[in-house]
């Protein structure tokens, strides 16, 4: 008799240790001002495009969430690898933005010559 009542309660405890989907929802734009300053510190424009900041915010929140809600225990090596991956993603975005800026400048320059 005790076994049948212990089963559901142990399942409830397991489910309670994992965050519900609704608890993972966040207020969008919560970190945008801080990210704008950080992006500027890493060489981006002082007023980056809102779409770029939003993309970087999504990447950062996803990566930090993965680090902190991971079902297995994270080691320092794994956290360092994830942070390195995040930095690489940000650098890639910065490079793509620079290419777009140069392309835009060249188009403006070519249009002014005509």
PDB file of N, CA and C in Angstrom:
ATOM      1  N   UNK A   1       0.812  -1.187   0.000  1.00  0.00           N
ATOM      2  CA  UNK A   1       0.000   0.000   0.000  1.00  0.00           C
ATOM      3  C   UNK A   1       0.857   1.253   0.000  1.00  0.00           C
ATOM      4  N   UNK A   2       1.924   1.258   0.741  1.00  0.00           N
ATOM      5  CA  UNK A   2       2.793   2.422   0.801  1.00  0.00           C
ATOM      6  C   UNK A   2       3.486   2.655  -0.535  1.00  0.00           C
ATOM      7  N   UNK A   3       3.762   1.588  -1.266  1.00  0.00           N
ATOM      8  CA  UNK A   3       4.439   1.735  -2.550  1.00  0.00           C
ATOM      9  C   UNK A   3       3.586   2.473  -3.561  1.00  0.00           C
ATOM     10  N   UNK A   4       2.269   2.216  -3.556  1.00  0.00           N
ATOM     11  CA  UNK A   4       1.414   2.880  -4.537  1.00  0.00           C
ATOM     12  C   UNK A   4       1.288   4.367  -4.244  1.00  0.00           C
ATOM     13  N   UNK A   5       1.294   4.757  -2.978  1.00  0.00           N
ATOM     14  CA  UNK A   5       1.195   6.181  -2.661  1.00  0.00           C
ATOM     15  C   UNK A   5       2.544   6.876  -2.818  1.00  0.00           C
ATOM     16  N   UNK A   6       3.641   6.139  -2.705  1.00  0.00           N
ATOM     17  CA  UNK A   6       4.964   6.751  -2.840  1.00  0.00           C
ATOM     18  C   UNK A   6       5.288   7.038  -4.296  1.00  0.00           C
ATOM     19  N   UNK A   7       4.713   6.247  -5.209  1.00  0.00           N
ATOM     20  CA  UNK A   7       5.009   6.438  -6.628  1.00  0.00           C
ATOM     21  C   UNK A   7       4.613   7.805  -7.156  1.00  0.00           C
ATOM     22  N   UNK A   8       3.352   8.196  -7.032  1.00  0.00           N
ATOM     23  CA  UNK A   8       2.953   9.494  -7.542  1.00  0.00           C
ATOM     24  C   UNK A   8       3.653  10.655  -6.861  1.00  0.00           C
ATOM     25  N   UNK A   9       3.909  10.548  -5.557  1.00  0.00           N
ATOM     26  CA  UNK A   9       4.557  11.666  -4.877  1.00  0.00           C
ATOM     27  C   UNK A   9       6.003  11.818  -5.335  1.00  0.00           C
ATOM     28  N   UNK A  10       6.679  10.708  -5.628  1.00  0.00           N
ATOM     29  CA  UNK A  10       8.051  10.825  -6.115  1.00  0.00           C
ATOM     30  C   UNK A  10       8.077  11.399  -7.521  1.00  0.00           C
ATOM     31  N   UNK A  11       7.074  11.075  -8.324  1.00  0.00           N
ATOM     32  CA  UNK A  11       6.998  11.671  -9.656  1.00  0.00           C
ATOM     33  C   UNK A  11       6.742  13.164  -9.558  1.00  0.00           C
ATOM     34  N   UNK A  12       5.926  13.577  -8.623  1.00  0.00           N
ATOM     35  CA  UNK A  12       5.639  14.996  -8.446  1.00  0.00           C
ATOM     36  C   UNK A  12       6.900  15.741  -8.043  1.00  0.00           C
ATOM     37  N   UNK A  13       7.714  15.117  -7.206  1.00  0.00           N
ATOM     38  CA  UNK A  13       8.956  15.776  -6.804  1.00  0.00           C
ATOM     39  C   UNK A  13       9.902  15.923  -7.978  1.00  0.00           C
ATOM     40  N   UNK A  14       9.976  14.921  -8.839  1.00  0.00           N
ATOM     41  CA  UNK A  14      10.842  15.000 -10.012  1.00  0.00           C
ATOM     42  C   UNK A  14      10.361  16.110 -10.930  1.00  0.00           C
ATOM     43  N   UNK A  15       9.073  16.189 -11.166  1.00  0.00           N
ATOM     44  CA  UNK A  15       8.522  17.226 -12.028  1.00  0.00           C
ATOM     45  C   UNK A  15       8.699  18.606 -11.431  1.00  0.00           C
ATOM     46  N   UNK A  16       8.662  18.712 -10.112  1.00  0.00           N
ATOM     47  CA  UNK A  16       8.790  20.009  -9.459  1.00  0.00           C
ATOM     48  C   UNK A  16      10.206  20.550  -9.565  1.00  0.00           C
ATOM     49  N   UNK A  17      11.203  19.670  -9.713  1.00  0.00           N
ATOM     50  CA  UNK A  17      12.580  20.143  -9.795  1.00  0.00           C
ATOM     51  C   UNK A  17      12.890  20.765 -11.147  1.00  0.00           C
ATOM     52  N   UNK A  18      12.089  20.484 -12.133  1.00  0.00           N
ATOM     53  CA  UNK A  18      12.303  21.055 -13.451  1.00  0.00           C
ATOM     54  C   UNK A  18      11.374  22.251 -13.632  1.00  0.00           C
ATOM     55  N   UNK A  19      11.891  23.365 -14.181  1.00  0.00           N
ATOM     56  CA  UNK A  19      11.058  24.550 -14.333  1.00  0.00           C
ATOM     57  C   UNK A  19       9.959  24.317 -15.358  1.00  0.00           C
ATOM     58  N   UNK A  20       8.790  24.881 -15.086  1.00  0.00           N
ATOM     59  CA  UNK A  20       7.698  24.759 -16.045  1.00  0.00           C
ATOM     60  C   UNK A  20       7.947  25.701 -17.211  1.00  0.00           C
ATOM     61  N   UNK A  21       7.272  25.437 -18.313  1.00  0.00           N
ATOM     62  CA  UNK A  21       7.449  26.263 -19.513  1.00  0.00           C
ATOM     63  C   UNK A  21       7.060  27.712 -19.243  1.00  0.00           C
ATOM     64  N   UNK A  22       6.011  27.909 -18.453  1.00  0.00           N
ATOM     65  CA  UNK A  22       5.578  29.277 -18.167  1.00  0.00           C
ATOM     66  C   UNK A  22       6.585  30.021 -17.301  1.00  0.00           C
ATOM     67  N   UNK A  23       7.314  29.304 -16.438  1.00  0.00           N
ATOM     68  CA  UNK A  23       8.305  29.987 -15.607  1.00  0.00           C
ATOM     69  C   UNK A  23       9.543  30.385 -16.400  1.00  0.00           C
ATOM     70  N   UNK A  24       9.743  29.793 -17.568  1.00  0.00           N
ATOM     71  CA  UNK A  24      10.889  30.134 -18.399  1.00  0.00           C
ATOM     72  C   UNK A  24      10.626  31.344 -19.287  1.00  0.00           C
ATOM     73  N   UNK A  25       9.366  31.762 -19.411  1.00  0.00           N
ATOM     74  CA  UNK A  25       9.061  32.918 -20.241  1.00  0.00           C
ATOM     75  C   UNK A  25       9.654  34.150 -19.587  1.00  0.00           C
ATOM     76  N   UNK A  26      10.104  35.078 -20.404  1.00  0.00           N
ATOM     77  CA  UNK A  26      10.730  36.273 -19.870  1.00  0.00           C
ATOM     78  C   UNK A  26      10.193  37.502 -20.577  1.00  0.00           C
ATOM     79  N   UNK A  27      10.437  38.608 -19.980  1.00  0.00           N
ATOM     80  CA  UNK A  27      10.032  39.878 -20.573  1.00  0.00           C
ATOM     81  C   UNK A  27      11.047  40.240 -21.650  1.00  0.00           C
ATOM     82  N   UNK A  28      10.603  40.331 -22.871  1.00  0.00           N
ATOM     83  CA  UNK A  28      11.504  40.680 -23.970  1.00  0.00           C
ATOM     84  C   UNK A  28      12.033  42.097 -23.789  1.00  0.00           C
ATOM     85  N   UNK A  29      13.280  42.294 -24.160  1.00  0.00           N
ATOM     86  CA  UNK A  29      13.882  43.612 -24.089  1.00  0.00           C
ATOM     87  C   UNK A  29      14.466  43.942 -22.724  1.00  0.00           C
ATOM     88  N   UNK A  30      14.409  42.990 -21.831  1.00  0.00           N
ATOM     89  CA  UNK A  30      14.860  43.239 -20.460  1.00  0.00           C
ATOM     90  C   UNK A  30      16.348  43.611 -20.399  1.00  0.00           C
ATOM     91  N   UNK A  31      17.153  43.055 -21.274  1.00  0.00           N
ATOM     92  CA  UNK A  31      18.601  43.278 -21.234  1.00  0.00           C
ATOM     93  C   UNK A  31      19.097  44.148 -22.387  1.00  0.00           C
ATOM     94  N   UNK A  32      18.211  44.715 -23.164  1.00  0.00           N
ATOM     95  CA  UNK A  32      18.627  45.405 -24.382  1.00  0.00           C
ATOM     96  C   UNK A  32      19.528  46.610 -24.112  1.00  0.00           C
ATOM     97  N   UNK A  33      19.219  47.406 -23.102  1.00  0.00           N
ATOM     98  CA  UNK A  33      20.043  48.584 -22.821  1.00  0.00           C
ATOM     99  C   UNK A  33      21.460  48.165 -22.416  1.00  0.00           C
ATOM    100  N   UNK A  34      21.543  47.151 -21.554  1.00  0.00           N
ATOM    101  CA  UNK A  34      22.864  46.659 -21.146  1.00  0.00           C
ATOM    102  C   UNK A  34      23.624  46.083 -22.331  1.00  0.00           C
ATOM    103  N   UNK A  35      22.927  45.332 -23.177  1.00  0.00           N
ATOM    104  CA  UNK A  35      23.589  44.742 -24.346  1.00  0.00           C
ATOM    105  C   UNK A  35      24.055  45.814 -25.318  1.00  0.00           C
ATOM    106  N   UNK A  36      23.286  46.886 -25.476  1.00  0.00           N
ATOM    107  CA  UNK A  36      23.713  47.985 -26.351  1.00  0.00           C
ATOM    108  C   UNK A  36      25.043  48.551 -25.866  1.00  0.00           C
ATOM    109  N   UNK A  37      25.163  48.759 -24.551  1.00  0.00           N
ATOM    110  CA  UNK A  37      26.408  49.277 -23.987  1.00  0.00           C
ATOM    111  C   UNK A  37      27.554  48.288 -24.173  1.00  0.00           C
ATOM    112  N   UNK A  38      27.271  46.998 -23.953  1.00  0.00           N
ATOM    113  CA  UNK A  38      28.301  45.982 -24.126  1.00  0.00           C
ATOM    114  C   UNK A  38      28.740  45.900 -25.583  1.00  0.00           C
ATOM    115  N   UNK A  39      27.768  45.950 -26.499  1.00  0.00           N
ATOM    116  CA  UNK A  39      28.102  45.883 -27.922  1.00  0.00           C
ATOM    117  C   UNK A  39      28.948  47.086 -28.314  1.00  0.00           C
ATOM    118  N   UNK A  40      28.611  48.259 -27.798  1.00  0.00           N
ATOM    119  CA  UNK A  40      29.401  49.458 -28.078  1.00  0.00           C
ATOM    120  C   UNK A  40      30.820  49.294 -27.529  1.00  0.00           C
ATOM    121  N   UNK A  41      30.925  48.713 -26.343  1.00  0.00           N
ATOM    122  CA  UNK A  41      32.233  48.462 -25.747  1.00  0.00           C
ATOM    123  C   UNK A  41      33.083  47.516 -26.570  1.00  0.00           C
ATOM    124  N   UNK A  42      32.434  46.630 -27.337  1.00  0.00           N
ATOM    125  CA  UNK A  42      33.159  45.689 -28.192  1.00  0.00           C
ATOM    126  C   UNK A  42      33.312  46.211 -29.615  1.00  0.00           C
ATOM    127  N   UNK A  43      32.999  47.508 -29.833  1.00  0.00           N
ATOM    128  CA  UNK A  43      33.286  48.112 -31.121  1.00  0.00           C
ATOM    129  C   UNK A  43      32.093  48.306 -32.031  1.00  0.00           C
ATOM    130  N   UNK A  44      30.905  47.999 -31.585  1.00  0.00           N
ATOM    131  CA  UNK A  44      29.715  48.222 -32.405  1.00  0.00           C
ATOM    132  C   UNK A  44      29.351  49.706 -32.353  1.00  0.00           C
ATOM    133  N   UNK A  45      28.350  50.068 -33.101  1.00  0.00           N
ATOM    134  CA  UNK A  45      27.856  51.431 -33.130  1.00  0.00           C
ATOM    135  C   UNK A  45      27.295  51.798 -31.756  1.00  0.00           C
ATOM    136  N   UNK A  46      27.322  53.088 -31.402  1.00  0.00           N
ATOM    137  CA  UNK A  46      26.789  53.499 -30.099  1.00  0.00           C
ATOM    138  C   UNK A  46      25.279  53.324 -30.024  1.00  0.00           C
ATOM    139  N   UNK A  47      24.629  53.255 -31.170  1.00  0.00           N
ATOM    140  CA  UNK A  47      23.185  53.034 -31.214  1.00  0.00           C
ATOM    141  C   UNK A  47      22.896  51.932 -32.235  1.00  0.00           C
ATOM    142  N   UNK A  48      23.126  50.665 -31.867  1.00  0.00           N
ATOM    143  CA  UNK A  48      22.951  49.566 -32.823  1.00  0.00           C
ATOM    144  C   UNK A  48      21.479  49.364 -33.190  1.00  0.00           C
ATOM    145  N   UNK A  49      21.262  48.685 -34.283  1.00  0.00           N
ATOM    146  CA  UNK A  49      19.896  48.405 -34.723  1.00  0.00           C
ATOM    147  C   UNK A  49      19.157  47.587 -33.672  1.00  0.00           C
ATOM    148  N   UNK A  50      17.889  47.893 -33.436  1.00  0.00           N
ATOM    149  CA  UNK A  50      17.107  47.130 -32.456  1.00  0.00           C
ATOM    150  C   UNK A  50      17.035  45.644 -32.784  1.00  0.00           C
ATOM    151  N   UNK A  51      17.011  45.309 -34.087  1.00  0.00           N
ATOM    152  CA  UNK A  51      16.961  43.905 -34.491  1.00  0.00           C
ATOM    153  C   UNK A  51      18.229  43.175 -34.078  1.00  0.00           C
ATOM    154  N   UNK A  52      19.372  43.859 -34.188  1.00  0.00           N
ATOM    155  CA  UNK A  52      20.652  43.259 -33.817  1.00  0.00           C
ATOM    156  C   UNK A  52      20.703  43.022 -32.311  1.00  0.00           C
ATOM    157  N   UNK A  53      20.285  44.020 -31.550  1.00  0.00           N
ATOM    158  CA  UNK A  53      20.290  43.888 -30.088  1.00  0.00           C
ATOM    159  C   UNK A  53      19.345  42.775 -29.663  1.00  0.00           C
ATOM    160  N   UNK A  54      18.206  42.689 -30.306  1.00  0.00           N
ATOM    161  CA  UNK A  54      17.238  41.640 -29.984  1.00  0.00           C
ATOM    162  C   UNK A  54      17.806  40.260 -30.282  1.00  0.00           C
ATOM    163  N   UNK A  55      18.490  40.121 -31.408  1.00  0.00           N
ATOM    164  CA  UNK A  55      19.109  38.847 -31.769  1.00  0.00           C
ATOM    165  C   UNK A  55      20.179  38.453 -30.755  1.00  0.00           C
ATOM    166  N   UNK A  56      21.040  39.413 -30.397  1.00  0.00           N
ATOM    167  CA  UNK A  56      22.091  39.130 -29.419  1.00  0.00           C
ATOM    168  C   UNK A  56      21.468  38.767 -28.071  1.00  0.00           C
ATOM    169  N   UNK A  57      20.392  39.462 -27.699  1.00  0.00           N
ATOM    170  CA  UNK A  57      19.706  39.153 -26.444  1.00  0.00           C
ATOM    171  C   UNK A  57      19.169  37.727 -26.454  1.00  0.00           C
ATOM    172  N   UNK A  58      18.548  37.331 -27.552  1.00  0.00           N
ATOM    173  CA  UNK A  58      18.022  35.965 -27.644  1.00  0.00           C
ATOM    174  C   UNK A  58      19.136  34.937 -27.506  1.00  0.00           C
ATOM    175  N   UNK A  59      20.265  35.187 -28.163  1.00  0.00           N
ATOM    176  CA  UNK A  59      21.404  34.260 -28.096  1.00  0.00           C
ATOM    177  C   UNK A  59      21.940  34.176 -26.670  1.00  0.00           C
ATOM    178  N   UNK A  60      22.120  35.320 -26.029  1.00  0.00           N
ATOM    179  CA  UNK A  60      22.669  35.353 -24.675  1.00  0.00           C
ATOM    180  C   UNK A  60      21.730  34.647 -23.702  1.00  0.00           C
ATOM    181  N   UNK A  61      20.442  34.977 -23.760  1.00  0.00           N
ATOM    182  CA  UNK A  61      19.479  34.375 -22.836  1.00  0.00           C
ATOM    183  C   UNK A  61      19.406  32.863 -23.042  1.00  0.00           C
ATOM    184  N   UNK A  62      19.399  32.427 -24.305  1.00  0.00           N
ATOM    185  CA  UNK A  62      19.368  30.989 -24.578  1.00  0.00           C
ATOM    186  C   UNK A  62      20.596  30.288 -24.012  1.00  0.00           C
ATOM    187  N   UNK A  63      21.777  30.870 -24.237  1.00  0.00           N
ATOM    188  CA  UNK A  63      23.007  30.232 -23.774  1.00  0.00           C
ATOM    189  C   UNK A  63      23.100  30.221 -22.248  1.00  0.00           C
ATOM    190  N   UNK A  64      22.747  31.335 -21.609  1.00  0.00           N
ATOM    191  CA  UNK A  64      22.796  31.380 -20.146  1.00  0.00           C
ATOM    192  C   UNK A  64      21.765  30.424 -19.557  1.00  0.00           C
ATOM    193  N   UNK A  65      20.585  30.350 -20.172  1.00  0.00           N
ATOM    194  CA  UNK A  65      19.555  29.414 -19.712  1.00  0.00           C
ATOM    195  C   UNK A  65      20.052  27.984 -19.839  1.00  0.00           C
ATOM    196  N   UNK A  66      20.682  27.671 -20.966  1.00  0.00           N
ATOM    197  CA  UNK A  66      21.229  26.320 -21.147  1.00  0.00           C
ATOM    198  C   UNK A  66      22.266  25.998 -20.079  1.00  0.00           C
ATOM    199  N   UNK A  67      23.079  26.993 -19.709  1.00  0.00           N
ATOM    200  CA  UNK A  67      24.118  26.763 -18.707  1.00  0.00           C
ATOM    201  C   UNK A  67      23.526  26.536 -17.323  1.00  0.00           C
ATOM    202  N   UNK A  68      22.458  27.251 -16.999  1.00  0.00           N
ATOM    203  CA  UNK A  68      21.959  27.204 -15.630  1.00  0.00           C
ATOM    204  C   UNK A  68      20.853  26.189 -15.395  1.00  0.00           C
ATOM    205  N   UNK A  69      20.152  25.754 -16.444  1.00  0.00           N
ATOM    206  CA  UNK A  69      19.039  24.824 -16.277  1.00  0.00           C
ATOM    207  C   UNK A  69      19.384  23.453 -16.840  1.00  0.00           C
ATOM    208  N   UNK A  70      20.626  23.226 -17.125  1.00  0.00           N
ATOM    209  CA  UNK A  70      21.058  21.950 -17.686  1.00  0.00           C
ATOM    210  C   UNK A  70      20.756  20.826 -16.704  1.00  0.00           C
ATOM    211  N   UNK A  71      20.183  19.703 -17.184  1.00  0.00           N
ATOM    212  CA  UNK A  71      19.844  18.605 -16.283  1.00  0.00           C
ATOM    213  C   UNK A  71      21.068  17.910 -15.690  1.00  0.00           C
ATOM    214  N   UNK A  72      22.186  17.947 -16.379  1.00  0.00           N
ATOM    215  CA  UNK A  72      23.378  17.325 -15.818  1.00  0.00           C
ATOM    216  C   UNK A  72      24.234  18.400 -15.149  1.00  0.00           C
ATOM    217  N   UNK A  73      25.142  17.977 -14.312  1.00  0.00           N
ATOM    218  CA  UNK A  73      25.985  18.932 -13.626  1.00  0.00           C
ATOM    219  C   UNK A  73      27.026  19.473 -14.603  1.00  0.00           C
ATOM    220  N   UNK A  74      27.115  20.819 -14.653  1.00  0.00           N
ATOM    221  CA  UNK A  74      28.067  21.454 -15.561  1.00  0.00           C
ATOM    222  C   UNK A  74      29.428  21.591 -14.890  1.00  0.00           C
ATOM    223  N   UNK A  75      30.444  21.320 -15.660  1.00  0.00           N
ATOM    224  CA  UNK A  75      31.796  21.523 -15.169  1.00  0.00           C
ATOM    225  C   UNK A  75      32.279  22.882 -15.653  1.00  0.00           C
ATOM    226  N   UNK A  76      33.329  23.358 -15.078  1.00  0.00           N
ATOM    227  CA  UNK A  76      33.889  24.655 -15.487  1.00  0.00           C
ATOM    228  C   UNK A  76      34.318  24.602 -16.954  1.00  0.00           C
ATOM    229  N   UNK A  77      34.808  23.462 -17.409  1.00  0.00           N
ATOM    230  CA  UNK A  77      35.214  23.333 -18.801  1.00  0.00           C
ATOM    231  C   UNK A  77      34.024  23.507 -19.737  1.00  0.00           C
ATOM    232  N   UNK A  78      32.899  22.920 -19.370  1.00  0.00           N
ATOM    233  CA  UNK A  78      31.702  23.040 -20.204  1.00  0.00           C
ATOM    234  C   UNK A  78      31.202  24.485 -20.230  1.00  0.00           C
ATOM    235  N   UNK A  79      31.212  25.139 -19.073  1.00  0.00           N
ATOM    236  CA  UNK A  79      30.785  26.534 -19.012  1.00  0.00           C
ATOM    237  C   UNK A  79      31.726  27.401 -19.833  1.00  0.00           C
ATOM    238  N   UNK A  80      33.018  27.176 -19.728  1.00  0.00           N
ATOM    239  CA  UNK A  80      33.988  27.935 -20.503  1.00  0.00           C
ATOM    240  C   UNK A  80      33.779  27.717 -22.002  1.00  0.00           C
ATOM    241  N   UNK A  81      33.512  26.479 -22.403  1.00  0.00           N
ATOM    242  CA  UNK A  81      33.256  26.187 -23.813  1.00  0.00           C
ATOM    243  C   UNK A  81      31.998  26.899 -24.300  1.00  0.00           C
ATOM    244  N   UNK A  82      30.961  26.933 -23.475  1.00  0.00           N
ATOM    245  CA  UNK A  82      29.731  27.616 -23.864  1.00  0.00           C
ATOM    246  C   UNK A  82      29.960  29.124 -23.978  1.00  0.00           C
ATOM    247  N   UNK A  83      30.731  29.700 -23.064  1.00  0.00           N
ATOM    248  CA  UNK A  83      31.025  31.136 -23.124  1.00  0.00           C
ATOM    249  C   UNK A  83      31.882  31.461 -24.345  1.00  0.00           C
ATOM    250  N   UNK A  84      32.824  30.598 -24.662  1.00  0.00           N
ATOM    251  CA  UNK A  84      33.638  30.787 -25.860  1.00  0.00           C
ATOM    252  C   UNK A  84      32.762  30.741 -27.105  1.00  0.00           C
ATOM    253  N   UNK A  85      31.828  29.795 -27.133  1.00  0.00           N
ATOM    254  CA  UNK A  85      30.895  29.683 -28.243  1.00  0.00           C
ATOM    255  C   UNK A  85      30.056  30.951 -28.362  1.00  0.00           C
ATOM    256  N   UNK A  86      29.610  31.487 -27.231  1.00  0.00           N
ATOM    257  CA  UNK A  86      28.821  32.714 -27.233  1.00  0.00           C
ATOM    258  C   UNK A  86      29.636  33.873 -27.791  1.00  0.00           C
ATOM    259  N   UNK A  87      30.893  33.977 -27.368  1.00  0.00           N
ATOM    260  CA  UNK A  87      31.763  35.048 -27.878  1.00  0.00           C
ATOM    261  C   UNK A  87      31.966  34.915 -29.384  1.00  0.00           C
ATOM    262  N   UNK A  88      32.119  33.697 -29.858  1.00  0.00           N
ATOM    263  CA  UNK A  88      32.278  33.477 -31.290  1.00  0.00           C
ATOM    264  C   UNK A  88      31.031  33.896 -32.051  1.00  0.00           C
ATOM    265  N   UNK A  89      29.853  33.621 -31.491  1.00  0.00           N
ATOM    266  CA  UNK A  89      28.605  34.034 -32.135  1.00  0.00           C
ATOM    267  C   UNK A  89      28.514  35.552 -32.214  1.00  0.00           C
ATOM    268  N   UNK A  90      28.875  36.233 -31.121  1.00  0.00           N
ATOM    269  CA  UNK A  90      28.829  37.691 -31.106  1.00  0.00           C
ATOM    270  C   UNK A  90      29.823  38.264 -32.116  1.00  0.00           C
ATOM    271  N   UNK A  91      31.024  37.697 -32.184  1.00  0.00           N
ATOM    272  CA  UNK A  91      32.019  38.158 -33.158  1.00  0.00           C
ATOM    273  C   UNK A  91      31.525  37.955 -34.586  1.00  0.00           C
ATOM    274  N   UNK A  92      30.869  36.837 -34.837  1.00  0.00           N
ATOM    275  CA  UNK A  92      30.335  36.573 -36.174  1.00  0.00           C
ATOM    276  C   UNK A  92      29.279  37.619 -36.533  1.00  0.00           C
ATOM    277  N   UNK A  93      28.413  37.931 -35.582  1.00  0.00           N
ATOM    278  CA  UNK A  93      27.393  38.950 -35.830  1.00  0.00           C
ATOM    279  C   UNK A  93      28.048  40.298 -36.097  1.00  0.00           C
ATOM    280  N   UNK A  94      29.073  40.648 -35.314  1.00  0.00           N
ATOM    281  CA  UNK A  94      29.778  41.912 -35.511  1.00  0.00           C
ATOM    282  C   UNK A  94      30.412  41.974 -36.899  1.00  0.00           C
ATOM    283  N   UNK A  95      31.008  40.864 -37.337  1.00  0.00           N
ATOM    284  CA  UNK A  95      31.622  40.832 -38.673  1.00  0.00           C
ATOM    285  C   UNK A  95      30.568  41.012 -39.764  1.00  0.00           C
ATOM    286  N   UNK A  96      29.414  40.360 -39.586  1.00  0.00           N
ATOM    287  CA  UNK A  96      28.348  40.492 -40.578  1.00  0.00           C
ATOM    288  C   UNK A  96      27.816  41.917 -40.617  1.00  0.00           C
ATOM    289  N   UNK A  97      27.729  42.552 -39.467  1.00  0.00           N
ATOM    290  CA  UNK A  97      27.270  43.944 -39.415  1.00  0.00           C
ATOM    291  C   UNK A  97      28.280  44.847 -40.123  1.00  0.00           C
ATOM    292  N   UNK A  98      29.565  44.612 -39.917  1.00  0.00           N
ATOM    293  CA  UNK A  98      30.597  45.412 -40.581  1.00  0.00           C
ATOM    294  C   UNK A  98      30.518  45.268 -42.097  1.00  0.00           C
ATOM    295  N   UNK A  99      30.282  44.053 -42.575  1.00  0.00           N
ATOM    296  CA  UNK A  99      30.136  43.828 -44.015  1.00  0.00           C
ATOM    297  C   UNK A  99      28.930  44.596 -44.548  1.00  0.00           C
ATOM    298  N   UNK A 100      27.831  44.553 -43.815  1.00  0.00           N
ATOM    299  CA  UNK A 100      26.630  45.276 -44.237  1.00  0.00           C
ATOM    300  C   UNK A 100      26.867  46.783 -44.256  1.00  0.00           C
ATOM    301  N   UNK A 101      27.585  47.288 -43.266  1.00  0.00           N
ATOM    302  CA  UNK A 101      27.898  48.721 -43.221  1.00  0.00           C
ATOM    303  C   UNK A 101      28.753  49.112 -44.411  1.00  0.00           C
ATOM    304  N   UNK A 102      29.782  48.324 -44.699  1.00  0.00           N
ATOM    305  CA  UNK A 102      30.654  48.625 -45.846  1.00  0.00           C
ATOM    306  C   UNK A 102      29.875  48.569 -47.158  1.00  0.00           C
ATOM    307  N   UNK A 103      29.014  47.574 -47.302  1.00  0.00           N
ATOM    308  CA  UNK A 103      28.193  47.459 -48.504  1.00  0.00           C
ATOM    309  C   UNK A 103      27.288  48.675 -48.645  1.00  0.00           C
ATOM    310  N   UNK A 104      26.687  49.096 -47.558  1.00  0.00           N
ATOM    311  CA  UNK A 104      25.809  50.263 -47.577  1.00  0.00           C
ATOM    312  C   UNK A 104      26.585  51.516 -47.946  1.00  0.00           C
ATOM    313  N   UNK A 105      27.780  51.694 -47.364  1.00  0.00           N
ATOM    314  CA  UNK A 105      28.614  52.863 -47.683  1.00  0.00           C
ATOM    315  C   UNK A 105      29.013  52.866 -49.154  1.00  0.00           C
ATOM    316  N   UNK A 106      29.376  51.694 -49.679  1.00  0.00           N
ATOM    317  CA  UNK A 106      29.754  51.599 -51.091  1.00  0.00           C
ATOM    318  C   UNK A 106      28.581  51.929 -51.997  1.00  0.00           C
ATOM    319  N   UNK A 107      27.389  51.474 -51.630  1.00  0.00           N
ATOM    320  CA  UNK A 107      26.207  51.783 -52.431  1.00  0.00           C
ATOM    321  C   UNK A 107      25.909  53.272 -52.400  1.00  0.00           C
ATOM    322  N   UNK A 108      26.074  53.903 -51.261  1.00  0.00           N
ATOM    323  CA  UNK A 108      25.856  55.341 -51.173  1.00  0.00           C
ATOM    324  C   UNK A 108      26.887  56.095 -51.997  1.00  0.00           C
ATOM    325  N   UNK A 109      28.133  55.631 -51.922  1.00  0.00           N
ATOM    326  CA  UNK A 109      29.207  56.273 -52.671  1.00  0.00           C
ATOM    327  C   UNK A 109      28.973  56.129 -54.177  1.00  0.00           C
ATOM    328  N   UNK A 110      28.586  54.942 -54.613  1.00  0.00           N
ATOM    329  CA  UNK A 110      28.303  54.699 -56.035  1.00  0.00           C
ATOM    330  C   UNK A 110      27.111  55.516 -56.494  1.00  0.00           C
ATOM    331  N   UNK A 111      26.097  55.654 -55.660  1.00  0.00           N
ATOM    332  CA  UNK A 111      24.903  56.438 -56.010  1.00  0.00           C
ATOM    333  C   UNK A 111      25.233  57.917 -56.097  1.00  0.00           C
ATOM    334  N   UNK A 112      26.169  58.399 -55.304  1.00  0.00           N
ATOM    335  CA  UNK A 112      26.536  59.813 -55.331  1.00  0.00           C
ATOM    336  C   UNK A 112      27.323  60.152 -56.600  1.00  0.00           C
ATOM    337  N   UNK A 113      28.027  59.181 -57.155  1.00  0.00           N
ATOM    338  CA  UNK A 113      28.808  59.411 -58.373  1.00  0.00           C
ATOM    339  C   UNK A 113      27.929  59.558 -59.602  1.00  0.00           C
ATOM    340  N   UNK A 114      26.763  58.912 -59.583  1.00  0.00           N
ATOM    341  CA  UNK A 114      25.903  58.910 -60.770  1.00  0.00           C
ATOM    342  C   UNK A 114      25.284  60.207 -60.985  1.00  0.00           C
TER     343      UNK A 114
END
